[in-house]
C-alpha atoms as a PDB file:
ATOM      1  CA  MET A   1      35.191   0.605-179.545  1.00  0.00           C
ATOM      2  CA  MET A   2      38.465   1.023-178.094  1.00  0.00           C
ATOM      3  CA  ARG A   3      41.724  -0.591-178.821  1.00  0.00           C
ATOM      4  CA  SER A   4      44.675  -0.462-176.551  1.00  0.00           C
ATOM      5  CA  GLN A   5      48.417  -0.924-177.198  1.00  0.00           C
ATOM      6  CA  THR A   6      51.771   0.002-176.231  1.00  0.00           C
ATOM      7  CA  ARG A   7      54.599   1.145-178.189  1.00  0.00           C
ATOM      8  CA  LYS A   8      58.104   2.220-178.224  1.00  0.00           C
ATOM      9  CA  PRO A   9      59.642   5.627-178.637  1.00  0.00           C
ATOM     10  CA  THR A  10      58.305   7.516-181.785  1.00  0.00           C
ATOM     11  CA  THR A  11      58.752  10.789-183.420  1.00  0.00           C
ATOM     12  CA  LEU A  12      55.706  12.495-182.542  1.00  0.00           C
ATOM     13  CA  GLY A  13      54.333  14.843-185.697  1.00  0.00           C
ATOM     14  CA  LEU A  14      51.555  15.307-184.646  1.00  0.00           C
ATOM     15  CA  SER A  15      50.771  19.629-185.141  1.00  0.00           C
ATOM     16  CA  LEU A  16      48.408  20.980-182.328  1.00  0.00           C
ATOM     17  CA  GLY A  17      46.333  23.902-181.939  1.00  0.00           C
ATOM     18  CA  ALA A  18      44.860  22.977-179.280  1.00  0.00           C
ATOM     19  CA  THR A  19      43.935  25.985-176.280  1.00  0.00           C
ATOM     20  CA  LEU A  20      44.688  25.972-173.268  1.00  0.00           C
ATOM     21  CA  MET A  21      42.013  26.605-170.211  1.00  0.00           C
ATOM     22  CA  ALA A  22      39.403  24.446-167.926  1.00  0.00           C
ATOM     23  CA  ALA A  23      36.541  22.617-165.769  1.00  0.00           C
ATOM     24  CA  ALA A  24      33.335  21.585-165.263  1.00  0.00           C
ATOM     25  CA  PHE A  25      30.374  22.211-167.876  1.00  0.00           C
ATOM     26  CA  GLY A  26      27.469  24.599-168.360  1.00  0.00           C
ATOM     27  CA  TYR A  27      25.409  25.690-171.189  1.00  0.00           C
ATOM     28  CA  GLY A  28      21.543  24.666-169.624  1.00  0.00           C
ATOM     29  CA  GLY A  29      19.854  21.689-169.421  1.00  0.00           C
ATOM     30  CA  THR A  30      18.928  19.484-166.412  1.00  0.00           C
ATOM     31  CA  ASP A  31      20.787  16.857-164.600  1.00  0.00           C
ATOM     32  CA  SER A  32      18.892  14.226-166.386  1.00  0.00           C
ATOM     33  CA  GLU A  33      19.695  15.419-169.470  1.00  0.00           C
ATOM     34  CA  THR A  34      23.634  15.557-168.421  1.00  0.00           C
ATOM     35  CA  SER A  35      23.634  12.409-166.917  1.00  0.00           C
ATOM     36  CA  ASP A  36      25.367   8.802-168.243  1.00  0.00           C
ATOM     37  CA  ALA A  37      21.978   7.743-169.982  1.00  0.00           C
ATOM     38  CA  VAL A  38      21.778  10.335-172.534  1.00  0.00           C
ATOM     39  CA  VAL A  39      24.501   9.164-174.687  1.00  0.00           C
ATOM     40  CA  HIS A  40      26.437   5.941-174.435  1.00  0.00           C
ATOM     41  CA  PRO A  41      29.731   5.282-175.596  1.00  0.00           C
ATOM     42  CA  SER A  42      29.590   2.298-177.039  1.00  0.00           C
ATOM     43  CA  THR A  43      27.248   4.214-179.032  1.00  0.00           C
ATOM     44  CA  SER A  44      28.583   7.690-179.101  1.00  0.00           C
ATOM     45  CA  ALA A  45      32.446   7.114-180.070  1.00  0.00           C
ATOM     46  CA  SER A  46      34.738   5.076-181.989  1.00  0.00           C
ATOM     47  CA  ARG A  47      38.405   5.546-180.192  1.00  0.00           C
ATOM     48  CA  THR A  48      41.594   3.579-180.101  1.00  0.00           C
ATOM     49  CA  THR A  49      44.237   4.337-177.427  1.00  0.00           C
ATOM     50  CA  VAL A  50      47.830   4.227-177.729  1.00  0.00           C
ATOM     51  CA  THR A  51      50.559   4.549-175.015  1.00  0.00           C
ATOM     52  CA  GLU A  52      54.016   6.040-175.848  1.00  0.00           C
ATOM     53  CA  THR A  53      56.836   5.564-173.277  1.00  0.00           C
ATOM     54  CA  SER A  54      59.509   7.793-174.102  1.00  0.00           C
ATOM     55  CA  ALA A  55      63.121   6.280-172.966  1.00  0.00           C
ATOM     56  CA  PRO A  56      66.511   7.525-172.673  1.00  0.00           C
ATOM     57  CA  ALA A  57      69.045   6.130-175.323  1.00  0.00           C
ATOM     58  CA  ALA A  58      71.348   3.246-174.147  1.00  0.00           C
ATOM     59  CA  ALA A  59      75.440   4.512-174.081  1.00  0.00           C
ATOM     60  CA  PRO A  60      77.281   2.182-176.624  1.00  0.00           C
ATOM     61  CA  GLY A  61      77.697  -1.101-175.144  1.00  0.00           C
ATOM     62  CA  LEU A  62      74.952  -0.601-172.317  1.00  0.00           C
ATOM     63  CA  THR A  63      71.508  -2.195-171.862  1.00  0.00           C
ATOM     64  CA  THR A  64      68.768  -0.379-169.973  1.00  0.00           C
ATOM     65  CA  THR A  65      65.446  -1.387-169.031  1.00  0.00           C
ATOM     66  CA  THR A  66      62.371   1.244-168.134  1.00  0.00           C
ATOM     67  CA  ALA A  67      60.450   0.483-166.077  1.00  0.00           C
ATOM     68  CA  THR A  68      56.660   1.106-166.832  1.00  0.00           C
ATOM     69  CA  ALA A  69      54.735   3.788-164.349  1.00  0.00           C
ATOM     70  CA  SER A  70      51.644   2.222-162.442  1.00  0.00           C
ATOM     71  CA  ALA A  71      48.776   4.231-163.127  1.00  0.00           C
ATOM     72  CA  SER A  72      47.581   5.044-159.812  1.00  0.00           C
ATOM     73  CA  ALA A  73      51.265   5.874-159.333  1.00  0.00           C
ATOM     74  CA  GLU A  74      52.056   9.864-158.734  1.00  0.00           C
ATOM     75  CA  GLY A  75      53.598  11.926-161.285  1.00  0.00           C
ATOM     76  CA  TYR A  76      51.550  13.522-164.948  1.00  0.00           C
ATOM     77  CA  GLY A  77      51.291  12.466-168.485  1.00  0.00           C
ATOM     78  CA  THR A  78      50.334  13.868-171.941  1.00  0.00           C
ATOM     79  CA  LEU A  79      47.240  13.116-173.277  1.00  0.00           C
ATOM     80  CA  LYS A  80      46.668  13.523-177.136  1.00  0.00           C
ATOM     81  CA  GLY A  81      44.807  12.366-180.340  1.00  0.00           C
ATOM     82  CA  ARG A  82      42.112  13.276-183.446  1.00  0.00           C
ATOM     83  CA  VAL A  83      38.811  13.370-184.053  1.00  0.00           C
ATOM     84  CA  THR A  84      37.921  12.625-187.390  1.00  0.00           C
ATOM     85  CA  TYR A  85      34.620  12.667-189.437  1.00  0.00           C
ATOM     86  CA  ASP A  86      33.761   8.665-189.655  1.00  0.00           C
ATOM     87  CA  GLY A  87      32.443   9.271-193.575  1.00  0.00           C
ATOM     88  CA  ASP A  88      33.103  11.659-197.020  1.00  0.00           C
ATOM     89  CA  ALA A  89      34.008  15.164-195.408  1.00  0.00           C
ATOM     90  CA  PRO A  90      30.761  17.333-195.784  1.00  0.00           C
ATOM     91  CA  ALA A  91      30.772  20.403-198.078  1.00  0.00           C
ATOM     92  CA  THR A  92      32.023  23.800-196.144  1.00  0.00           C
ATOM     93  CA  LYS A  93      28.267  25.970-195.640  1.00  0.00           C
ATOM     94  CA  VAL A  94      28.875  29.066-197.307  1.00  0.00           C
ATOM     95  CA  LEU A  95      26.913  32.099-195.593  1.00  0.00           C
ATOM     96  CA  PHE A  96      27.061  34.401-197.675  1.00  0.00           C
ATOM     97  CA  GLU A  97      29.424  35.228-200.437  1.00  0.00           C
ATOM     98  CA  LYS A  98      32.133  38.008-201.396  1.00  0.00           C
ATOM     99  CA  GLY A  99      30.751  41.312-200.772  1.00  0.00           C
ATOM    100  CA  LYS A 100      26.877  39.614-200.026  1.00  0.00           C
ATOM    101  CA  ALA A 101      26.135  39.801-196.536  1.00  0.00           C
ATOM    102  CA  ALA A 102      22.634  40.927-195.307  1.00  0.00           C
ATOM    103  CA  LYS A 103      24.124  43.626-193.165  1.00  0.00           C
ATOM    104  CA  ASP A 104      27.065  46.043-193.365  1.00  0.00           C
ATOM    105  CA  PRO A 105      28.315  44.095-196.700  1.00  0.00           C
ATOM    106  CA  ASP A 106      31.159  46.558-196.528  1.00  0.00           C
ATOM    107  CA  ILE A 107      32.854  44.510-193.879  1.00  0.00           C
ATOM    108  CA  CYS A 108      31.224  42.084-192.978  1.00  0.00           C
ATOM    109  CA  ALA A 109      31.929  38.893-196.475  1.00  0.00           C
ATOM    110  CA  LYS A 110      34.419  42.386-198.409  1.00  0.00           C
ATOM    111  CA  ASP A 111      37.105  40.445-198.795  1.00  0.00           C
ATOM    112  CA  ALA A 112      35.942  36.167-198.826  1.00  0.00           C
ATOM    113  CA  PRO A 113      32.721  34.947-197.795  1.00  0.00           C
ATOM    114  CA  VAL A 114      31.165  33.845-194.239  1.00  0.00           C
ATOM    115  CA  ILE A 115      31.349  30.474-194.094  1.00  0.00           C
ATOM    116  CA  SER A 116      29.205  28.357-191.190  1.00  0.00           C
ATOM    117  CA  GLU A 117      31.807  26.418-188.308  1.00  0.00           C
ATOM    118  CA  ARG A 118      29.471  24.539-187.233  1.00  0.00           C
ATOM    119  CA  LEU A 119      30.902  21.616-188.661  1.00  0.00           C
ATOM    120  CA  LEU A 120      34.333  21.927-190.557  1.00  0.00           C
ATOM    121  CA  VAL A 121      36.045  18.839-191.941  1.00  0.00           C
ATOM    122  CA  ASP A 122      39.087  18.719-193.505  1.00  0.00           C
ATOM    123  CA  SER A 123      39.115  17.038-197.218  1.00  0.00           C
ATOM    124  CA  GLY A 124      42.255  15.634-196.858  1.00  0.00           C
ATOM    125  CA  THR A 125      42.888  14.080-192.752  1.00  0.00           C
ATOM    126  CA  LYS A 126      38.685  14.083-192.065  1.00  0.00           C
ATOM    127  CA  GLY A 127      39.825  15.695-189.022  1.00  0.00           C
ATOM    128  CA  VAL A 128      37.040  18.001-187.138  1.00  0.00           C
ATOM    129  CA  LYS A 129      37.849  21.603-185.992  1.00  0.00           C
ATOM    130  CA  ASN A 130      36.610  23.104-183.071  1.00  0.00           C
ATOM    131  CA  VAL A 131      35.708  19.754-180.994  1.00  0.00           C
ATOM    132  CA  LEU A 132      35.942  21.047-176.860  1.00  0.00           C
ATOM    133  CA  VAL A 133      37.980  18.046-174.778  1.00  0.00           C
ATOM    134  CA  PHE A 134      37.886  18.357-171.846  1.00  0.00           C
ATOM    135  CA  LEU A 135      37.982  16.168-168.514  1.00  0.00           C
ATOM    136  CA  THR A 136      35.792  16.398-165.583  1.00  0.00           C
ATOM    137  CA  LYS A 137      37.228  16.372-161.909  1.00  0.00           C
ATOM    138  CA  PRO A 138      40.906  15.419-162.425  1.00  0.00           C
ATOM    139  CA  THR A 139      42.577  14.091-159.575  1.00  0.00           C
ATOM    140  CA  SER A 140      45.234  16.275-159.244  1.00  0.00           C
ATOM    141  CA  VAL A 141      46.268  19.850-160.141  1.00  0.00           C
ATOM    142  CA  SER A 142      49.760  20.003-161.502  1.00  0.00           C
ATOM    143  CA  ASP A 143      52.280  23.402-160.762  1.00  0.00           C
ATOM    144  CA  GLY A 144      52.651  23.074-164.492  1.00  0.00           C
ATOM    145  CA  ALA A 145      49.272  23.668-165.855  1.00  0.00           C
ATOM    146  CA  LYS A 146      48.449  26.148-163.205  1.00  0.00           C
ATOM    147  CA  LYS A 147      51.849  28.084-164.620  1.00  0.00           C
ATOM    148  CA  ALA A 148      50.242  27.688-168.085  1.00  0.00           C
ATOM    149  CA  ALA A 149      46.825  28.558-166.937  1.00  0.00           C
ATOM    150  CA  ALA A 150      47.877  31.563-164.899  1.00  0.00           C
ATOM    151  CA  ALA A 151      50.057  32.583-168.256  1.00  0.00           C
ATOM    152  CA  ALA A 152      47.327  32.810-170.600  1.00  0.00           C
ATOM    153  CA  HIS A 153      46.652  36.034-172.311  1.00  0.00           C
ATOM    154  CA  VAL A 154      43.428  34.982-173.861  1.00  0.00           C
ATOM    155  CA  VAL A 155      41.683  37.542-176.407  1.00  0.00           C
ATOM    156  CA  PHE A 156      37.984  36.782-177.940  1.00  0.00           C
ATOM    157  CA  ASP A 157      37.409  38.748-180.702  1.00  0.00           C
ATOM    158  CA  GLN A 158      35.355  39.877-183.879  1.00  0.00           C
ATOM    159  CA  THR A 159      36.413  40.146-187.782  1.00  0.00           C
ATOM    160  CA  LYS A 160      34.654  40.600-190.407  1.00  0.00           C
ATOM    161  CA  CYS A 161      31.857  40.068-188.899  1.00  0.00           C
ATOM    162  CA  VAL A 162      33.008  35.844-187.088  1.00  0.00           C
ATOM    163  CA  PHE A 163      33.822  35.244-183.272  1.00  0.00           C
ATOM    164  CA  GLU A 164      37.361  33.798-183.299  1.00  0.00           C
ATOM    165  CA  PRO A 165      38.296  31.619-181.266  1.00  0.00           C
ATOM    166  CA  HIS A 166      34.560  30.192-182.525  1.00  0.00           C
ATOM    167  CA  VAL A 167      35.130  27.951-179.833  1.00  0.00           C
ATOM    168  CA  LEU A 168      36.808  29.357-176.148  1.00  0.00           C
ATOM    169  CA  ALA A 169      37.519  27.645-173.134  1.00  0.00           C
ATOM    170  CA  VAL A 170      38.545  29.089-170.137  1.00  0.00           C
ATOM    171  CA  THR A 171      39.490  28.521-166.995  1.00  0.00           C
ATOM    172  CA  VAL A 172      37.629  30.565-163.971  1.00  0.00           C
ATOM    173  CA  ASN A 173      38.647  33.752-162.841  1.00  0.00           C
ATOM    174  CA  THR A 174      40.701  34.293-166.117  1.00  0.00           C
ATOM    175  CA  PRO A 175      40.210  37.403-167.584  1.00  0.00           C
ATOM    176  CA  ILE A 176      39.157  37.552-171.310  1.00  0.00           C
ATOM    177  CA  LEU A 177      39.647  40.712-173.319  1.00  0.00           C
ATOM    178  CA  LEU A 178      36.625  41.642-175.306  1.00  0.00           C
ATOM    179  CA  LYS A 179      37.781  43.043-178.797  1.00  0.00           C
ATOM    180  CA  SER A 180      36.879  44.422-182.074  1.00  0.00           C
ATOM    181  CA  SER A 181      38.687  44.281-185.199  1.00  0.00           C
ATOM    182  CA  ASP A 182      35.842  45.693-187.233  1.00  0.00           C
ATOM    183  CA  SER A 183      34.716  49.398-187.803  1.00  0.00           C
ATOM    184  CA  VAL A 184      31.346  48.971-187.314  1.00  0.00           C
ATOM    185  CA  ASN A 185      29.476  47.930-183.667  1.00  0.00           C
ATOM    186  CA  HIS A 186      28.846  44.426-182.078  1.00  0.00           C
ATOM    187  CA  ASN A 187      27.683  43.338-179.347  1.00  0.00           C
ATOM    188  CA  ILE A 188      28.241  40.126-177.168  1.00  0.00           C
ATOM    189  CA  ASN A 189      25.860  37.721-175.945  1.00  0.00           C
ATOM    190  CA  ALA A 190      27.442  35.657-173.508  1.00  0.00           C
ATOM    191  CA  LYS A 191      24.283  32.896-172.117  1.00  0.00           C
ATOM    192  CA  LEU A 192      26.826  31.828-169.661  1.00  0.00           C
ATOM    193  CA  LYS A 193      25.205  30.291-166.399  1.00  0.00           C
ATOM    194  CA  ALA A 194      27.096  32.405-164.130  1.00  0.00           C
ATOM    195  CA  GLY A 195      27.913  35.959-164.942  1.00  0.00           C
ATOM    196  CA  ALA A 196      25.681  36.176-167.995  1.00  0.00           C
ATOM    197  CA  PHE A 197      26.135  39.156-170.235  1.00  0.00           C
ATOM    198  CA  ASN A 198      25.258  41.506-173.447  1.00  0.00           C
ATOM    199  CA  LYS A 199      28.140  44.121-173.801  1.00  0.00           C
ATOM    200  CA  LEU A 200      28.253  46.165-176.854  1.00  0.00           C
ATOM    201  CA  LEU A 201      31.335  46.826-178.565  1.00  0.00           C
ATOM    202  CA  ALA A 202      32.006  49.675-180.539  1.00  0.00           C
ATOM    203  CA  ALA A 203      34.023  49.950-183.760  1.00  0.00           C
ATOM    204  CA  LYS A 204      37.724  48.996-182.658  1.00  0.00           C
ATOM    205  CA  ALA A 205      36.203  48.838-179.405  1.00  0.00           C
ATOM    206  CA  GLU A 206      38.013  47.116-176.144  1.00  0.00           C
ATOM    207  CA  ASP A 207      36.417  45.399-173.022  1.00  0.00           C
ATOM    208  CA  LYS A 208      37.123  42.973-170.345  1.00  0.00           C
ATOM    209  CA  PHE A 209      35.119  40.271-168.743  1.00  0.00           C
ATOM    210  CA  THR A 210      36.668  37.824-166.278  1.00  0.00           C
ATOM    211  CA  PRO A 211      34.480  34.494-165.455  1.00  0.00           C
ATOM    212  CA  ILE A 212      33.186  34.050-162.344  1.00  0.00           C
ATOM    213  CA  GLY A 213      32.146  30.772-162.293  1.00  0.00           C
ATOM    214  CA  ALA A 214      32.506  26.838-163.619  1.00  0.00           C
ATOM    215  CA  GLU A 215      29.765  26.376-166.442  1.00  0.00           C
ATOM    216  CA  ARG A 216      28.762  22.602-166.891  1.00  0.00           C
ATOM    217  CA  LEU A 217      28.254  22.783-170.616  1.00  0.00           C
ATOM    218  CA  PRO A 218      29.422  25.341-173.365  1.00  0.00           C
ATOM    219  CA  ALA A 219      27.232  28.268-173.141  1.00  0.00           C
ATOM    220  CA  GLU A 220      26.209  30.031-176.596  1.00  0.00           C
ATOM    221  CA  VAL A 221      27.597  33.373-177.443  1.00  0.00           C
ATOM    222  CA  THR A 222      25.627  35.531-180.795  1.00  0.00           C
ATOM    223  CA  CYS A 223      25.644  39.266-181.685  1.00  0.00           C
ATOM    224  CA  ASP A 224      22.747  40.042-182.057  1.00  0.00           C
ATOM    225  CA  ILE A 225      23.260  43.056-184.581  1.00  0.00           C
ATOM    226  CA  HIS A 226      24.719  40.217-186.846  1.00  0.00           C
ATOM    227  CA  PRO A 227      23.074  36.832-186.565  1.00  0.00           C
ATOM    228  CA  TRP A 228      24.645  34.862-187.958  1.00  0.00           C
ATOM    229  CA  MET A 229      27.276  35.488-185.919  1.00  0.00           C
ATOM    230  CA  ARG A 230      27.993  32.299-182.863  1.00  0.00           C
ATOM    231  CA  ALA A 231      30.420  30.844-181.021  1.00  0.00           C
ATOM    232  CA  TRP A 232      30.778  28.863-177.227  1.00  0.00           C
ATOM    233  CA  TRP A 233      31.943  28.780-174.079  1.00  0.00           C
ATOM    234  CA  ILE A 234      32.882  26.832-171.489  1.00  0.00           C
ATOM    235  CA  VAL A 235      34.305  27.790-167.900  1.00  0.00           C
ATOM    236  CA  LEU A 236      36.043  25.127-166.264  1.00  0.00           C
ATOM    237  CA  ASP A 237      38.164  24.983-162.482  1.00  0.00           C
ATOM    238  CA  HIS A 238      40.885  23.291-163.859  1.00  0.00           C
ATOM    239  CA  PRO A 239      42.945  23.384-166.819  1.00  0.00           C
ATOM    240  CA  TYR A 240      42.954  20.287-167.976  1.00  0.00           C
ATOM    241  CA  PHE A 241      41.607  21.165-171.803  1.00  0.00           C
ATOM    242  CA  ALA A 242      41.899  21.782-175.759  1.00  0.00           C
ATOM    243  CA  VAL A 243      40.329  22.601-178.725  1.00  0.00           C
ATOM    244  CA  THR A 244      40.904  21.067-181.775  1.00  0.00           C
ATOM    245  CA  ASP A 245      43.034  22.509-184.827  1.00  0.00           C
ATOM    246  CA  GLU A 246      41.903  21.991-188.718  1.00  0.00           C
ATOM    247  CA  LYS A 247      43.493  18.872-189.203  1.00  0.00           C
ATOM    248  CA  GLY A 248      40.974  17.679-185.928  1.00  0.00           C
ATOM    249  CA  GLU A 249      44.105  17.593-183.419  1.00  0.00           C
ATOM    250  CA  PHE A 250      44.247  18.510-179.761  1.00  0.00           C
ATOM    251  CA  GLU A 251      47.032  17.522-176.912  1.00  0.00           C
ATOM    252  CA  ILE A 252      46.836  18.199-172.787  1.00  0.00           C
ATOM    253  CA  LYS A 253      49.913  18.511-170.875  1.00  0.00           C
ATOM    254  CA  ASN A 254      50.708  17.805-167.312  1.00  0.00           C
ATOM    255  CA  VAL A 255      47.369  15.621-166.846  1.00  0.00           C
ATOM    256  CA  PRO A 256      47.659  13.602-163.792  1.00  0.00           C
ATOM    257  CA  ALA A 257      49.178   9.669-163.916  1.00  0.00           C
ATOM    258  CA  GLY A 258      45.176   7.691-163.329  1.00  0.00           C
ATOM    259  CA  THR A 259      42.120   7.066-164.302  1.00  0.00           C
ATOM    260  CA  GLN A 260      40.622  10.205-165.489  1.00  0.00           C
ATOM    261  CA  LYS A 261      37.393  10.913-167.022  1.00  0.00           C
ATOM    262  CA  VAL A 262      37.725  12.570-170.897  1.00  0.00           C
ATOM    263  CA  VAL A 263      34.770  14.586-172.234  1.00  0.00           C
ATOM    264  CA  VAL A 264      34.613  15.045-175.844  1.00  0.00           C
ATOM    265  CA  TRP A 265      31.857  17.826-177.244  1.00  0.00           C
ATOM    266  CA  GLN A 266      31.363  18.881-180.700  1.00  0.00           C
ATOM    267  CA  GLU A 267      28.520  21.781-181.301  1.00  0.00           C
ATOM    268  CA  ALA A 268      25.830  19.748-184.920  1.00  0.00           C
ATOM    269  CA  LEU A 269      25.677  16.251-183.037  1.00  0.00           C
ATOM    270  CA  ASP A 270      22.570  15.385-181.647  1.00  0.00           C
ATOM    271  CA  LYS A 271      22.509  14.330-177.521  1.00  0.00           C
ATOM    272  CA  ARG A 272      23.262  17.966-176.967  1.00  0.00           C
ATOM    273  CA  GLY A 273      27.333  17.186-178.606  1.00  0.00           C
ATOM    274  CA  PHE A 274      28.507  14.896-176.672  1.00  0.00           C
ATOM    275  CA  ILE A 275      31.064  11.975-178.323  1.00  0.00           C
ATOM    276  CA  THR A 276      31.333  10.430-175.242  1.00  0.00           C
ATOM    277  CA  ALA A 277      29.529  10.266-172.616  1.00  0.00           C
ATOM    278  CA  PRO A 278      27.955  13.267-170.575  1.00  0.00           C
ATOM    279  CA  SER A 279      29.842  12.348-167.481  1.00  0.00           C
ATOM    280  CA  GLY A 280      33.187  11.370-169.512  1.00  0.00           C
ATOM    281  CA  ASP A 281      34.754   8.768-170.349  1.00  0.00           C
ATOM    282  CA  PRO A 282      37.202   6.943-168.211  1.00  0.00           C
ATOM    283  CA  ILE A 283      41.025   6.713-169.534  1.00  0.00           C
ATOM    284  CA  VAL A 284      44.147   5.664-167.667  1.00  0.00           C
ATOM    285  CA  LEU A 285      46.880   8.043-167.927  1.00  0.00           C
ATOM    286  CA  LYS A 286      51.013   6.908-166.580  1.00  0.00           C
ATOM    287  CA  ALA A 287      53.249   8.903-165.359  1.00  0.00           C
ATOM    288  CA  ASN A 288      55.746  10.484-168.228  1.00  0.00           C
ATOM    289  CA  GLU A 289      53.756   8.702-170.845  1.00  0.00           C
ATOM    290  CA  THR A 290      51.551  10.344-173.610  1.00  0.00           C
ATOM    291  CA  VAL A 291      48.558   8.279-173.989  1.00  0.00           C
ATOM    292  CA  VAL A 292      46.984   8.870-178.057  1.00  0.00           C
ATOM    293  CA  GLN A 293      43.724   8.693-177.532  1.00  0.00           C
ATOM    294  CA  ASP A 294      41.283   9.266-180.869  1.00  0.00           C
ATOM    295  CA  PHE A 295      37.772   9.681-181.113  1.00  0.00           C
ATOM    296  CA  LYS A 296      35.470   9.380-184.556  1.00  0.00           C
ATOM    297  CA  VAL A 297      32.068  11.734-185.680  1.00  0.00           C
ATOM    298  CA  GLU A 298      29.601  10.053-186.535  1.00  0.00           C
ATOM    299  CA  PRO A 299      27.954  10.811-189.695  1.00  0.00           C
ATOM    300  CA  ALA A 300      24.084   9.933-188.147  1.00  0.00           C
ATOM    301  CA  ARG A 301      24.871  12.059-185.393  1.00  0.00           C
ATOM    302  CA  VAL A 302      24.789  15.721-187.548  1.00  0.00           C
ATOM    303  CA  ARG A 303      21.583  17.230-187.177  1.00  0.00           C
ATOM    304  CA  PRO A 304      20.146  18.877-189.604  1.00  0.00           C
ATOM    305  CA  GLU A 305      20.453  22.897-189.478  1.00  0.00           C
END
C-alpha cells in the first residue's frame, strides 16, 4: 500500500551505505518465473512515498515561488529510502563460534564468530542490510551517473572466510578486482548466466574479472573450499542501483525524471526474493527533487533455511 505526500525543504540525515553499479537481472529461471504474476506488489511490499523539494532561500523582504517540474520533464532527481523488517528483528544466526570453524579454524572464525548474512536486521531501526534496489530499463542515463560508474573501483574480497561485500552490483564491462586477504586458498564460483567462472585464488592472491553481459537476476557466488561462504552478484547495463546499509538505507542519484520501474530484492524471501514485482514497481521522479520510497519485508515471506 503506497501513501504519497509532498513536504517542504528538510535536512536529510540519512546515513547511506549504498553501493553503485547497474542494470537488467540474472540468476537463472524462465520467463514465466520472472513475470509480473510471480508476486503482486500489493501483497509483497508495503510502501511509503514522500517527495522532497529543494528551493533556494529567499532574500530578506522577498518572496520566491518554486515551480514544480512535471513528471515528464527532462532532468534528473534522487531516489532514496529504507527497507525495514515488519516485525520483531530475528536473531543473528551464528554459523561457527569463534575458533570453531569446520575448516581452517586458525583463519576462519579466528577472531570472531562467522555469522549468516542471509537476513541481517538491525535491532534498533529494523533496517534490513544487503537488500538490492535497482531500476529496470531507465528512460535515460545522466552524464553524472555515467561518470560515477566509470570511476568506480570494485573489489570482491575474502576476509576471515567471508565474502565482502555480500551483495555486489556492477555495470557491464566494469573490472572487478578479485582479492583474498586470507592466508588460505579460496575459490570464487560465480554462477553468472553470461560469463560464469570458477577461479582458484591462492592465499593473499589477486585476480581480475570483467563481466561481459547483463544478468536478469542476482547470481549466487560460492566458495567450494569453504562451503558456508556465499554472496550475490548482479550485473546491469546501467548505473542505477544500490545495496542497503546496516540501517536498511539506500540512495540512487541522477535518476531520470518521469516514471521509472524499481526492483527490490532480498535473498531470504520466497518468490525468488522479490519484494516488488519482478519487472519493477512504477515510481514517479521529478527533476531536482528527492523521492523517499520505503519498503517492508514481511516476516511470513522469509523462507526457512
